[in-house]
Protein backbone atom coordinates (compact mmCIF):
# COMPACT_ATOMS: atom_id res chain seq x y z
CA MET A 1 268.67 129.88 103.93
CA ASN A 2 265.15 128.39 103.90
CA SER A 3 264.62 124.98 102.36
CA PRO A 4 262.35 125.00 99.28
CA PRO A 5 259.48 122.53 98.77
CA ILE A 6 260.81 119.05 98.07
CA SER A 7 259.83 116.30 95.65
CA PHE A 8 261.66 112.98 95.60
CA VAL A 9 261.97 110.63 92.61
CA ALA A 10 261.85 107.04 93.89
CA CYS A 11 262.99 104.29 91.52
CA PRO A 12 265.85 101.86 90.95
CA SER A 13 268.32 102.49 88.15
CA TYR A 14 267.22 102.12 84.52
CA GLN A 15 263.65 103.31 85.14
CA GLY A 16 263.73 106.61 83.24
CA ALA A 17 264.81 108.93 86.07
CA THR A 18 267.27 110.90 83.91
CA LEU A 19 264.57 111.41 81.28
CA LEU A 20 262.15 112.64 83.94
CA SER A 21 264.75 115.05 85.35
CA LEU A 22 265.43 116.54 81.93
CA ILE A 23 261.70 117.10 81.42
CA LEU A 24 260.94 118.53 84.87
CA ASN A 25 263.98 120.82 84.90
CA ASN A 26 262.51 122.56 81.86
CA HIS A 27 259.81 123.95 84.16
CA SER A 28 260.36 127.54 85.27
CA GLU A 29 259.88 126.65 88.95
CA LEU A 30 261.52 123.19 89.21
CA ALA A 31 265.19 122.43 89.81
CA ALA A 32 266.18 118.87 88.93
CA LEU A 33 269.76 117.59 88.96
CA GLY A 34 269.21 114.01 87.90
CA ASP A 35 271.32 111.82 90.19
CA THR A 36 271.66 114.95 92.37
CA LEU A 37 275.04 114.25 94.01
CA PRO A 38 278.20 113.63 91.96
CA GLU A 39 280.65 111.02 93.21
CA ARG A 40 284.02 112.48 94.14
CA GLN A 41 285.89 109.83 92.16
CA HIS A 42 283.89 110.76 89.06
CA MET A 43 284.15 114.55 89.12
CA ASP A 44 285.72 114.25 85.64
CA TYR A 45 282.35 113.05 84.27
CA PHE A 46 280.35 115.50 82.19
CA CYS A 47 277.52 117.68 83.48
CA SER A 48 274.59 118.17 81.09
CA CYS A 49 275.83 121.74 80.49
CA GLY A 50 278.81 120.26 78.60
CA GLU A 51 281.51 120.96 81.19
CA ARG A 52 283.19 118.36 83.32
CA ILE A 53 281.70 118.44 86.80
CA GLU A 54 285.01 119.50 88.31
CA ASN A 55 285.13 122.52 85.94
CA CYS A 56 281.41 123.41 85.98
CA ASP A 57 280.74 126.85 87.52
CA PHE A 58 277.45 125.63 89.00
CA TRP A 59 278.92 122.62 90.82
CA THR A 60 281.98 124.63 91.90
CA GLU A 61 279.81 127.34 93.44
CA LEU A 62 277.45 124.80 94.99
CA ALA A 63 280.40 123.06 96.65
CA ARG A 64 281.60 126.40 98.02
CA VAL A 65 278.23 127.55 99.33
CA THR A 66 277.46 124.22 101.02
CA GLY A 67 280.94 123.78 102.52
CA ALA A 68 281.52 120.52 100.67
CA GLU A 69 285.20 120.50 101.67
CA ALA A 70 284.08 119.56 105.18
CA TYR A 71 282.85 116.24 103.76
CA ALA A 72 286.03 115.33 101.87
CA LEU A 73 285.92 111.75 103.18
CA GLU A 74 282.42 111.15 101.81
CA ALA A 75 282.03 109.26 98.53
CA THR A 76 279.73 111.98 97.18
CA LEU A 77 280.04 115.76 97.16
CA LEU A 78 277.78 115.92 100.23
CA PRO A 79 276.75 113.02 102.50
CA LEU A 80 274.36 110.54 100.91
CA ARG A 81 273.39 109.17 104.34
CA PRO A 82 273.66 110.43 107.94
CA ARG A 83 277.07 109.91 109.51
CA LEU A 84 276.22 107.82 112.59
CA VAL A 85 279.77 106.48 113.09
CA HIS A 86 283.08 107.26 111.39
CA HIS A 87 283.73 103.85 109.82
CA GLU A 88 281.97 103.81 106.42
CA LEU A 89 280.95 100.13 106.25
CA THR A 90 279.64 100.23 109.80
CA ASN A 91 277.83 103.48 109.03
CA LYS A 92 276.08 101.86 106.04
CA LEU A 93 275.03 98.93 108.21
CA LEU A 94 273.68 101.14 111.01
CA ASN A 95 271.71 103.28 108.56
CA ARG A 96 270.25 100.10 107.09
CA LEU A 97 269.30 98.85 110.54
CA VAL A 98 267.47 102.03 111.55
CA HIS A 99 265.52 101.81 108.30
CA GLY A 100 264.31 98.26 108.83
CA ASP A 101 261.02 96.65 107.92
CA ARG A 102 259.22 98.32 110.83
CA PHE A 103 261.43 101.41 110.57
CA ILE A 104 263.00 102.83 113.68
CA SER A 105 261.74 102.43 117.23
CA ARG A 106 261.12 105.52 119.36
CA SER A 107 263.98 104.64 121.72
CA ALA A 108 266.42 103.95 118.86
CA TYR A 109 265.43 107.18 117.14
CA GLY A 110 266.45 109.08 120.24
CA LEU A 111 270.00 107.76 119.81
CA VAL A 112 270.36 109.00 116.23
CA ALA A 113 268.05 112.04 116.22
CA GLY A 114 270.93 114.51 116.51
CA ARG A 115 272.75 113.02 113.52
CA PHE A 116 269.52 112.96 111.56
CA GLU A 117 268.98 116.65 112.33
CA GLN A 118 272.52 117.47 111.20
CA TYR A 119 271.94 115.59 107.97
CA GLN A 120 268.62 117.39 107.46
CA SER A 121 270.30 120.78 107.91
CA THR A 122 272.94 119.88 105.34
CA PHE A 123 270.24 118.83 102.90
CA ASP A 124 268.21 122.02 103.49
CA LEU A 125 271.29 124.14 102.79
CA PHE A 126 271.99 122.16 99.62
CA ALA A 127 268.42 122.28 98.26
CA GLY A 128 268.13 125.99 99.00
CA ALA A 129 271.47 126.74 97.31
CA VAL A 130 270.48 124.76 94.20
CA CYS A 131 267.26 126.72 93.81
CA ASP A 132 269.00 130.04 94.43
CA LEU A 133 271.70 129.33 91.84
CA LEU A 134 269.20 128.16 89.23
CA GLY A 135 266.52 130.75 90.00
CA LYS A 136 263.95 128.04 90.79
CA LYS A 137 261.48 127.51 93.66
CA HIS A 138 261.02 123.73 94.07
CA PHE A 139 263.74 121.09 94.40
CA ILE A 140 263.49 117.64 92.78
CA ASP A 141 265.74 115.14 94.57
CA GLY A 142 266.89 112.39 92.23
CA THR A 143 269.26 110.39 94.42
CA LYS A 144 266.70 107.51 94.43
CA TYR A 145 268.13 106.52 97.83
CA LEU A 146 265.11 105.57 99.95
CA HIS A 147 266.87 105.96 103.28
CA ARG A 148 267.37 109.62 102.42
CA LEU A 149 263.62 110.01 101.87
CA PHE A 150 263.00 108.25 105.19
CA VAL A 151 265.36 110.52 107.15
CA LEU A 152 264.02 113.71 105.56
CA ALA A 153 260.41 112.75 106.31
CA LYS A 154 261.15 111.40 109.80
CA THR A 155 263.16 114.43 110.91
CA ARG A 156 260.67 117.05 109.70
CA PRO A 157 257.21 115.49 110.19
CA GLU A 158 255.60 118.90 109.69
CA ARG A 159 256.96 119.15 106.14
CA THR A 160 255.26 117.39 103.24
CA ILE A 161 257.46 115.60 100.71
CA ASN A 162 256.09 114.58 97.32
CA CYS A 163 257.25 111.11 96.23
CA ILE A 164 257.14 110.55 92.47
CA HIS A 165 257.27 106.76 92.32
CA LEU A 166 258.63 105.91 88.87
CA LEU A 167 258.26 102.34 87.62
CA ARG A 168 259.38 100.46 84.54
CA ASP A 169 258.47 96.98 83.36
CA PRO A 170 260.62 94.58 85.46
CA ARG A 171 261.60 92.70 82.30
CA GLY A 172 263.16 95.88 80.94
CA PHE A 173 264.91 96.49 84.27
CA VAL A 174 266.41 93.00 84.35
CA LEU A 175 267.69 93.31 80.78
CA SER A 176 269.22 96.73 81.54
CA CYS A 177 271.01 95.30 84.57
CA LYS A 178 272.38 92.51 82.40
CA ASN A 179 273.58 94.93 79.71
CA ASN A 180 274.94 97.77 81.84
CA LEU A 181 276.31 96.52 85.13
CA PRO A 182 280.04 95.63 85.14
CA GLU A 183 279.29 92.42 87.02
CA PRO A 184 275.62 91.75 86.35
CA GLY A 185 273.81 89.40 88.68
CA ASP A 186 271.53 86.68 87.50
CA LEU A 187 267.94 87.14 86.43
CA LYS A 188 266.57 86.21 89.84
CA LYS A 189 268.77 88.70 91.70
CA SER A 190 267.78 91.64 89.47
CA ALA A 191 264.08 90.73 89.58
CA ARG A 192 264.13 90.55 93.38
CA GLU A 193 265.93 93.90 93.54
CA TRP A 194 263.10 95.45 91.49
CA ARG A 195 260.49 93.90 93.77
CA GLN A 196 262.25 94.92 96.98
CA TYR A 197 262.74 98.54 95.93
CA HIS A 198 259.10 99.07 95.01
CA TYR A 199 257.94 97.25 98.13
CA ARG A 200 260.08 99.58 100.27
CA THR A 201 258.80 102.64 98.45
CA LEU A 202 255.16 101.74 99.03
CA GLN A 203 255.94 100.86 102.64
CA LEU A 204 257.55 104.24 103.27
CA CYS A 205 254.70 106.15 101.68
CA THR A 206 252.17 104.19 103.73
CA GLU A 207 253.93 104.39 107.10
CA LEU A 208 255.01 108.06 107.05
CA PRO A 209 251.99 110.38 106.74
CA ASN A 210 253.94 113.41 105.50
CA ILE A 211 254.98 111.62 102.29
CA ARG A 212 252.56 112.10 99.39
CA HIS A 213 252.73 109.42 96.72
CA LEU A 214 252.17 109.36 92.95
CA SER A 215 252.96 106.29 90.85
CA VAL A 216 254.08 106.94 87.25
CA ARG A 217 254.90 104.16 84.82
CA TYR A 218 257.76 104.80 82.39
CA GLU A 219 255.69 103.18 79.64
CA ASP A 220 252.79 105.60 80.24
CA LEU A 221 255.20 108.54 80.23
CA CYS A 222 256.44 107.41 76.81
CA ASP A 223 252.99 106.64 75.36
CA SER A 224 251.14 109.68 76.78
CA PRO A 225 253.80 112.21 77.79
CA THR A 226 251.58 115.29 77.91
CA GLU A 227 248.96 113.60 80.09
CA GLN A 228 251.56 112.12 82.47
CA ILE A 229 253.49 115.38 82.79
CA GLN A 230 250.27 117.19 83.64
CA ARG A 231 249.59 114.55 86.34
CA ILE A 232 253.05 115.09 87.81
CA LEU A 233 252.87 118.89 87.74
CA GLY A 234 249.42 118.83 89.35
CA PHE A 235 250.72 116.47 92.03
CA ILE A 236 253.70 118.74 92.76
CA GLY A 237 251.45 121.78 92.78
CA VAL A 238 252.93 123.93 90.01
CA ARG A 239 251.31 125.34 86.90
CA ASP A 240 251.23 123.43 83.64
CA GLU A 241 253.93 124.40 81.12
CA GLU A 242 255.17 122.93 77.85
CA LEU A 243 258.18 120.83 78.90
CA LEU A 244 258.74 118.49 75.94
CA THR A 245 261.54 120.53 74.40
CA ALA A 246 265.31 120.30 74.26
CA PRO A 247 266.86 121.01 77.70
CA ARG A 248 266.45 124.65 78.62
CA LEU A 249 269.12 126.67 80.35
CA PRO A 250 270.15 126.52 83.08
CA HIS A 251 270.62 122.77 83.38
CA HIS A 252 273.27 120.90 85.35
CA ILE A 253 271.97 117.35 85.36
CA ILE A 254 273.94 114.20 86.13
CA GLY A 255 272.80 110.90 84.70
CA ASN A 256 273.13 108.42 81.84
CA ARG A 257 273.55 108.85 78.08
CA MET A 258 270.02 110.29 77.89
CA LEU A 259 271.69 113.62 78.76
CA ARG A 260 273.14 113.73 75.24
CA GLU A 261 270.22 112.13 73.44
CA PHE A 262 267.12 113.96 74.66
CA HIS A 263 265.84 116.76 72.43
CA GLY A 264 262.19 116.76 73.44
CA ALA A 265 260.95 113.55 71.81
CA ILE A 266 260.53 110.40 73.94
CA GLU A 267 261.32 106.97 72.54
CA LYS A 268 260.27 103.90 74.50
CA ASP A 269 262.86 101.19 75.07
CA GLU A 270 261.29 97.73 74.96
CA LYS A 271 264.22 95.61 73.77
CA TRP A 272 263.27 93.03 76.38
CA ARG A 273 260.42 91.86 74.14
CA ARG A 274 262.79 90.42 71.52
CA VAL A 275 265.88 89.70 73.66
CA LEU A 276 264.40 87.81 76.60
CA GLU A 277 262.99 84.35 76.05
CA GLN A 278 259.36 83.74 76.95
CA ARG A 279 260.34 81.54 79.90
CA GLU A 280 262.63 84.32 81.19
CA GLN A 281 259.85 86.91 80.89
CA ALA A 282 257.44 84.62 82.76
CA GLU A 283 259.99 83.97 85.51
CA ILE A 284 260.64 87.70 85.98
CA LEU A 285 256.92 88.40 86.36
CA ARG A 286 256.64 85.56 88.87
CA LEU A 287 259.56 86.86 90.95
CA THR A 288 258.25 90.44 90.94
CA SER A 289 254.72 89.50 91.96
CA PRO A 290 252.51 90.97 93.37
CA TYR A 291 253.83 94.37 92.32
CA ALA A 292 254.14 93.46 88.64
CA ASP A 293 250.43 92.64 88.82
CA VAL A 294 249.48 95.70 90.89
CA PHE A 295 251.08 97.99 88.30
CA ARG A 296 249.61 95.97 85.39
CA TYR A 297 252.89 94.72 83.93
CA SER A 298 251.54 91.20 83.76
CA GLU A 299 248.97 92.55 81.26
CA ILE A 300 251.55 93.90 78.81
């Protein structure tokens, strides 16, 4: 099974990724699954089609075609990261190390290349199966896990990957972390997480020449949806279609409550303006500099 063209949505949580998946999946050629890989402990969560993931015909068939039973010890249906060693915590650490600030050295890459190739093959099988089952041609990866993007680009340097870099005002991100996480960190921790993620995204897209990059602000998507969708479709390389409708069949998207709320109209969430104090807003912008300035959030 040949792997289809790939686009990758890069953003932290609470940036509008589920909304973007619902919109892009309405395109006749694009297959978007939202968070992309369901967690095994949450297979009783609902798919956008209305069925629980464990009972959804699409996810059941996808698990069969991709041999997901071989990865029963993984936290997700298929591996989120290459399996470099058996022990999970050590594996996370090693994957983090090979994706350091200067990425991976040539000698170190030689030690993990085989595992990277195995991971790439698993991903190609998965992406191809998704497109075949949905009758689409282009796969939109929504895991948001930057190490995955790194491995896919590093292992297949001849293949171009489109990176849709989705951003939201860091003040909105910090408030969402406070409201939604079971054990929310403090303001400084969330702000630094926003800064670090976007720094790493820009670093990846600069260092690896086969990653194409397009920055899209959530606020612009809300204010000018038609214009921004046309930008994204042109960047991906597919024809323009009307996508601002209720979710079109087939759709099997995993994500937040937006799955139940989206019917084609986009409403911007800017609760941070009235909830956060002025001193908190100023501190968030300071902690997320220079990227809050680069993407004009200090002007809002």
